[in-house]
Amino acid sequence: MIEILIGLNVTDEKIYQDYRNAMSPYLEKIGGGFRYDFLVAKTLKSQVTHDINRVFTIYFPSIEAKNAFFNNPQYKNIREKYFNTSVSHIVSIAEYQIEP
């Protein structure tokens, strides 16, 4: 299993939630999901200059499943419609394998 730790600067919580609602069925269909999800009130140390107000982990059963998910045209349409209008910055903090 592969997991990614992501930091975001979400600028519109409602549209971002619409994104999560729209993309989650596709993620779950391939055996993926979210393990942790945090709203961040204050960042004490960061290697990026923009704010981070949301941190989460997203997992996939394999690297191939992760790549297929992010390259799926349906996912790309959802991302374009919701994610790109509700998030100003994204940083991939870590990617690692975990035991199921």
N, C-alpha and C. Protein backbone atom coordinates (compact mmCIF):
# COMPACT_ATOMS: atom_id res chain seq x y z
N MET A 1 0.85 -1.17 0.00
CA MET A 1 0.00 0.00 0.00
C MET A 1 0.89 1.23 0.00
N ILE A 2 0.49 2.25 -0.74
CA ILE A 2 1.24 3.50 -0.82
C ILE A 2 0.40 4.61 -0.19
N GLU A 3 1.05 5.47 0.59
CA GLU A 3 0.36 6.58 1.24
C GLU A 3 1.12 7.87 0.97
N ILE A 4 0.36 8.95 0.81
CA ILE A 4 0.95 10.27 0.56
C ILE A 4 0.46 11.22 1.65
N LEU A 5 1.37 11.99 2.20
CA LEU A 5 1.06 13.04 3.17
C LEU A 5 1.07 14.37 2.41
N ILE A 6 -0.07 15.05 2.41
CA ILE A 6 -0.26 16.25 1.60
C ILE A 6 -0.61 17.44 2.50
N GLY A 7 -0.08 18.61 2.15
CA GLY A 7 -0.46 19.87 2.77
C GLY A 7 -1.08 20.78 1.73
N LEU A 8 -2.17 21.42 2.08
CA LEU A 8 -2.88 22.31 1.15
C LEU A 8 -3.12 23.67 1.78
N ASN A 9 -3.33 24.66 0.94
CA ASN A 9 -3.93 25.91 1.38
C ASN A 9 -5.30 25.96 0.70
N VAL A 10 -6.33 25.61 1.46
CA VAL A 10 -7.70 25.60 0.96
C VAL A 10 -8.27 27.01 1.10
N THR A 11 -8.77 27.56 0.00
CA THR A 11 -9.29 28.93 0.01
C THR A 11 -10.82 28.97 0.01
N ASP A 12 -11.45 27.85 -0.31
CA ASP A 12 -12.92 27.79 -0.29
C ASP A 12 -13.32 26.41 0.24
N GLU A 13 -13.69 26.35 1.51
CA GLU A 13 -14.00 25.08 2.17
C GLU A 13 -15.19 24.36 1.54
N LYS A 14 -16.21 25.10 1.13
CA LYS A 14 -17.40 24.46 0.56
C LYS A 14 -17.08 23.78 -0.77
N ILE A 15 -16.40 24.49 -1.65
CA ILE A 15 -16.05 23.90 -2.96
C ILE A 15 -15.06 22.75 -2.76
N TYR A 16 -14.15 22.89 -1.81
CA TYR A 16 -13.22 21.79 -1.54
C TYR A 16 -13.98 20.56 -1.05
N GLN A 17 -14.98 20.74 -0.22
CA GLN A 17 -15.79 19.61 0.24
C GLN A 17 -16.56 18.99 -0.93
N ASP A 18 -17.02 19.82 -1.86
CA ASP A 18 -17.67 19.29 -3.07
C ASP A 18 -16.68 18.42 -3.86
N TYR A 19 -15.42 18.85 -3.92
CA TYR A 19 -14.37 18.06 -4.57
C TYR A 19 -14.23 16.70 -3.89
N ARG A 20 -14.11 16.72 -2.57
CA ARG A 20 -13.95 15.46 -1.82
C ARG A 20 -15.15 14.54 -2.05
N ASN A 21 -16.35 15.11 -2.02
CA ASN A 21 -17.56 14.31 -2.22
C ASN A 21 -17.59 13.69 -3.62
N ALA A 22 -17.13 14.43 -4.61
CA ALA A 22 -17.17 13.95 -5.99
C ALA A 22 -16.10 12.92 -6.29
N MET A 23 -14.90 13.09 -5.71
CA MET A 23 -13.81 12.19 -6.04
C MET A 23 -13.74 10.95 -5.17
N SER A 24 -14.31 10.99 -3.99
CA SER A 24 -14.20 9.87 -3.04
C SER A 24 -14.74 8.55 -3.59
N PRO A 25 -15.87 8.51 -4.30
CA PRO A 25 -16.32 7.23 -4.83
C PRO A 25 -15.31 6.58 -5.78
N TYR A 26 -14.62 7.38 -6.60
CA TYR A 26 -13.61 6.84 -7.51
C TYR A 26 -12.41 6.31 -6.72
N LEU A 27 -12.02 7.03 -5.68
CA LEU A 27 -10.92 6.61 -4.83
C LEU A 27 -11.25 5.30 -4.13
N GLU A 28 -12.43 5.21 -3.56
CA GLU A 28 -12.85 4.00 -2.85
C GLU A 28 -13.01 2.82 -3.79
N LYS A 29 -13.42 3.07 -5.03
CA LYS A 29 -13.62 2.01 -6.02
C LYS A 29 -12.31 1.27 -6.32
N ILE A 30 -11.18 1.98 -6.25
CA ILE A 30 -9.89 1.34 -6.52
C ILE A 30 -9.22 0.83 -5.24
N GLY A 31 -9.91 0.94 -4.11
CA GLY A 31 -9.36 0.46 -2.85
C GLY A 31 -8.56 1.49 -2.09
N GLY A 32 -8.73 2.77 -2.43
CA GLY A 32 -8.02 3.85 -1.75
C GLY A 32 -8.92 4.56 -0.75
N GLY A 33 -8.34 5.54 -0.08
CA GLY A 33 -9.11 6.32 0.88
C GLY A 33 -8.23 7.30 1.63
N PHE A 34 -8.83 7.93 2.62
CA PHE A 34 -8.13 8.87 3.50
C PHE A 34 -8.00 8.24 4.88
N ARG A 35 -6.79 8.29 5.45
CA ARG A 35 -6.60 7.75 6.80
C ARG A 35 -6.64 8.84 7.86
N TYR A 36 -6.09 10.00 7.55
CA TYR A 36 -6.08 11.13 8.48
C TYR A 36 -6.42 12.39 7.72
N ASP A 37 -7.04 13.35 8.39
CA ASP A 37 -7.41 14.62 7.77
C ASP A 37 -7.48 15.68 8.87
N PHE A 38 -6.70 16.74 8.73
CA PHE A 38 -6.60 17.76 9.77
C PHE A 38 -6.82 19.16 9.21
N LEU A 39 -7.54 19.99 9.95
CA LEU A 39 -7.55 21.43 9.73
C LEU A 39 -6.42 22.00 10.59
N VAL A 40 -5.57 22.82 9.99
CA VAL A 40 -4.38 23.33 10.68
C VAL A 40 -4.61 24.78 11.05
N ALA A 41 -4.45 25.10 12.32
CA ALA A 41 -4.65 26.46 12.80
C ALA A 41 -3.39 27.30 12.69
N LYS A 42 -2.23 26.67 12.87
CA LYS A 42 -0.98 27.43 12.87
C LYS A 42 0.16 26.51 12.42
N THR A 43 0.97 27.00 11.49
CA THR A 43 2.13 26.26 11.02
C THR A 43 3.36 26.82 11.71
N LEU A 44 4.08 25.97 12.42
CA LEU A 44 5.26 26.43 13.17
C LEU A 44 6.53 26.40 12.33
N LYS A 45 6.63 25.43 11.41
CA LYS A 45 7.80 25.33 10.55
C LYS A 45 7.36 24.75 9.22
N SER A 46 7.88 25.32 8.14
CA SER A 46 7.51 24.86 6.81
C SER A 46 8.63 25.17 5.83
N GLN A 47 8.78 24.32 4.85
CA GLN A 47 9.78 24.56 3.80
C GLN A 47 9.17 25.29 2.61
N VAL A 48 7.88 25.63 2.68
CA VAL A 48 7.24 26.41 1.63
C VAL A 48 6.83 27.76 2.20
N THR A 49 6.66 28.75 1.33
CA THR A 49 6.36 30.11 1.79
C THR A 49 4.87 30.38 1.92
N HIS A 50 4.03 29.53 1.35
CA HIS A 50 2.59 29.75 1.42
C HIS A 50 2.01 29.08 2.66
N ASP A 51 0.81 29.49 3.02
CA ASP A 51 0.12 28.91 4.17
C ASP A 51 -0.30 27.47 3.89
N ILE A 52 -0.35 26.67 4.93
CA ILE A 52 -0.91 25.32 4.89
C ILE A 52 -1.99 25.28 5.96
N ASN A 53 -3.24 25.03 5.53
CA ASN A 53 -4.33 24.99 6.50
C ASN A 53 -5.07 23.65 6.49
N ARG A 54 -4.59 22.71 5.69
CA ARG A 54 -5.20 21.37 5.65
C ARG A 54 -4.08 20.37 5.41
N VAL A 55 -4.05 19.31 6.21
CA VAL A 55 -3.07 18.24 6.06
C VAL A 55 -3.82 16.92 6.12
N PHE A 56 -3.50 16.01 5.20
CA PHE A 56 -4.18 14.71 5.19
C PHE A 56 -3.27 13.64 4.59
N THR A 57 -3.64 12.40 4.84
CA THR A 57 -3.00 11.28 4.17
C THR A 57 -4.03 10.62 3.27
N ILE A 58 -3.59 10.25 2.09
CA ILE A 58 -4.41 9.54 1.11
C ILE A 58 -3.64 8.28 0.74
N TYR A 59 -4.37 7.15 0.65
CA TYR A 59 -3.67 5.89 0.36
C TYR A 59 -4.27 5.20 -0.86
N PHE A 60 -3.43 4.36 -1.45
CA PHE A 60 -3.78 3.57 -2.63
C PHE A 60 -3.23 2.16 -2.44
N PRO A 61 -3.86 1.17 -3.05
CA PRO A 61 -3.37 -0.20 -2.88
C PRO A 61 -2.00 -0.43 -3.52
N SER A 62 -1.62 0.40 -4.50
CA SER A 62 -0.32 0.24 -5.18
C SER A 62 0.03 1.55 -5.89
N ILE A 63 1.28 1.65 -6.31
CA ILE A 63 1.71 2.82 -7.09
C ILE A 63 0.95 2.87 -8.41
N GLU A 64 0.73 1.71 -9.01
CA GLU A 64 0.00 1.65 -10.27
C GLU A 64 -1.43 2.18 -10.10
N ALA A 65 -2.08 1.80 -9.00
CA ALA A 65 -3.44 2.29 -8.73
C ALA A 65 -3.43 3.80 -8.51
N LYS A 66 -2.43 4.30 -7.81
CA LYS A 66 -2.31 5.74 -7.59
C LYS A 66 -2.18 6.48 -8.92
N ASN A 67 -1.30 6.01 -9.77
CA ASN A 67 -1.08 6.65 -11.07
C ASN A 67 -2.33 6.57 -11.94
N ALA A 68 -2.99 5.43 -11.94
CA ALA A 68 -4.22 5.27 -12.73
C ALA A 68 -5.31 6.22 -12.22
N PHE A 69 -5.42 6.37 -10.91
CA PHE A 69 -6.42 7.26 -10.33
C PHE A 69 -6.19 8.70 -10.78
N PHE A 70 -4.96 9.20 -10.61
CA PHE A 70 -4.68 10.60 -10.93
C PHE A 70 -4.72 10.87 -12.44
N ASN A 71 -4.56 9.83 -13.27
CA ASN A 71 -4.62 9.99 -14.72
C ASN A 71 -6.00 9.71 -15.30
N ASN A 72 -6.95 9.30 -14.47
CA ASN A 72 -8.30 8.99 -14.92
C ASN A 72 -8.98 10.27 -15.41
N PRO A 73 -9.53 10.27 -16.63
CA PRO A 73 -10.19 11.48 -17.15
C PRO A 73 -11.34 11.98 -16.28
N GLN A 74 -12.10 11.07 -15.66
CA GLN A 74 -13.20 11.50 -14.78
C GLN A 74 -12.64 12.24 -13.56
N TYR A 75 -11.55 11.71 -12.97
CA TYR A 75 -10.93 12.40 -11.84
C TYR A 75 -10.41 13.77 -12.28
N LYS A 76 -9.76 13.81 -13.44
CA LYS A 76 -9.21 15.09 -13.91
C LYS A 76 -10.30 16.14 -14.09
N ASN A 77 -11.48 15.73 -14.56
CA ASN A 77 -12.60 16.68 -14.70
C ASN A 77 -13.07 17.18 -13.34
N ILE A 78 -13.16 16.28 -12.37
CA ILE A 78 -13.55 16.67 -11.00
C ILE A 78 -12.53 17.63 -10.42
N ARG A 79 -11.25 17.32 -10.60
CA ARG A 79 -10.19 18.18 -10.08
C ARG A 79 -10.26 19.57 -10.69
N GLU A 80 -10.45 19.62 -12.00
CA GLU A 80 -10.54 20.91 -12.70
C GLU A 80 -11.73 21.73 -12.19
N LYS A 81 -12.85 21.07 -12.00
CA LYS A 81 -14.07 21.77 -11.61
C LYS A 81 -14.03 22.27 -10.16
N TYR A 82 -13.52 21.45 -9.24
CA TYR A 82 -13.60 21.78 -7.81
C TYR A 82 -12.25 22.11 -7.17
N PHE A 83 -11.29 21.23 -7.32
CA PHE A 83 -10.02 21.39 -6.62
C PHE A 83 -9.29 22.66 -7.05
N ASN A 84 -9.18 22.84 -8.37
CA ASN A 84 -8.40 23.98 -8.87
C ASN A 84 -9.00 25.33 -8.49
N THR A 85 -10.28 25.37 -8.17
CA THR A 85 -10.91 26.63 -7.78
C THR A 85 -10.99 26.82 -6.27
N SER A 86 -10.64 25.79 -5.51
CA SER A 86 -10.77 25.88 -4.05
C SER A 86 -9.44 25.75 -3.30
N VAL A 87 -8.36 25.47 -4.01
CA VAL A 87 -7.06 25.28 -3.38
C VAL A 87 -6.04 26.16 -4.10
N SER A 88 -5.32 26.97 -3.33
CA SER A 88 -4.33 27.86 -3.95
C SER A 88 -2.94 27.24 -4.01
N HIS A 89 -2.63 26.35 -3.07
CA HIS A 89 -1.31 25.72 -3.06
C HIS A 89 -1.41 24.29 -2.55
N ILE A 90 -0.50 23.46 -3.05
CA ILE A 90 -0.41 22.07 -2.61
C ILE A 90 1.06 21.71 -2.46
N VAL A 91 1.35 20.95 -1.42
CA VAL A 91 2.71 20.46 -1.23
C VAL A 91 2.63 18.99 -0.83
N SER A 92 3.38 18.16 -1.55
CA SER A 92 3.49 16.75 -1.19
C SER A 92 4.60 16.65 -0.15
N ILE A 93 4.25 16.35 1.07
CA ILE A 93 5.20 16.33 2.17
C ILE A 93 5.99 15.02 2.19
N ALA A 94 5.30 13.91 1.96
CA ALA A 94 5.99 12.61 1.97
C ALA A 94 5.14 11.58 1.22
N GLU A 95 5.82 10.57 0.69
CA GLU A 95 5.17 9.44 0.08
C GLU A 95 5.92 8.19 0.55
N TYR A 96 5.16 7.19 1.00
CA TYR A 96 5.80 6.04 1.61
C TYR A 96 4.89 4.82 1.49
N GLN A 97 5.49 3.65 1.67
CA GLN A 97 4.72 2.42 1.68
C GLN A 97 4.33 2.09 3.12
N ILE A 98 3.11 1.53 3.27
CA ILE A 98 2.66 1.11 4.58
C ILE A 98 2.16 -0.32 4.49
N GLU A 99 2.16 -0.97 5.60
CA GLU A 99 1.61 -2.33 5.69
C GLU A 99 0.11 -2.21 5.91
N PRO A 100 -0.68 -3.03 5.21
CA PRO A 100 -2.15 -2.94 5.36
C PRO A 100 -2.61 -3.34 6.75
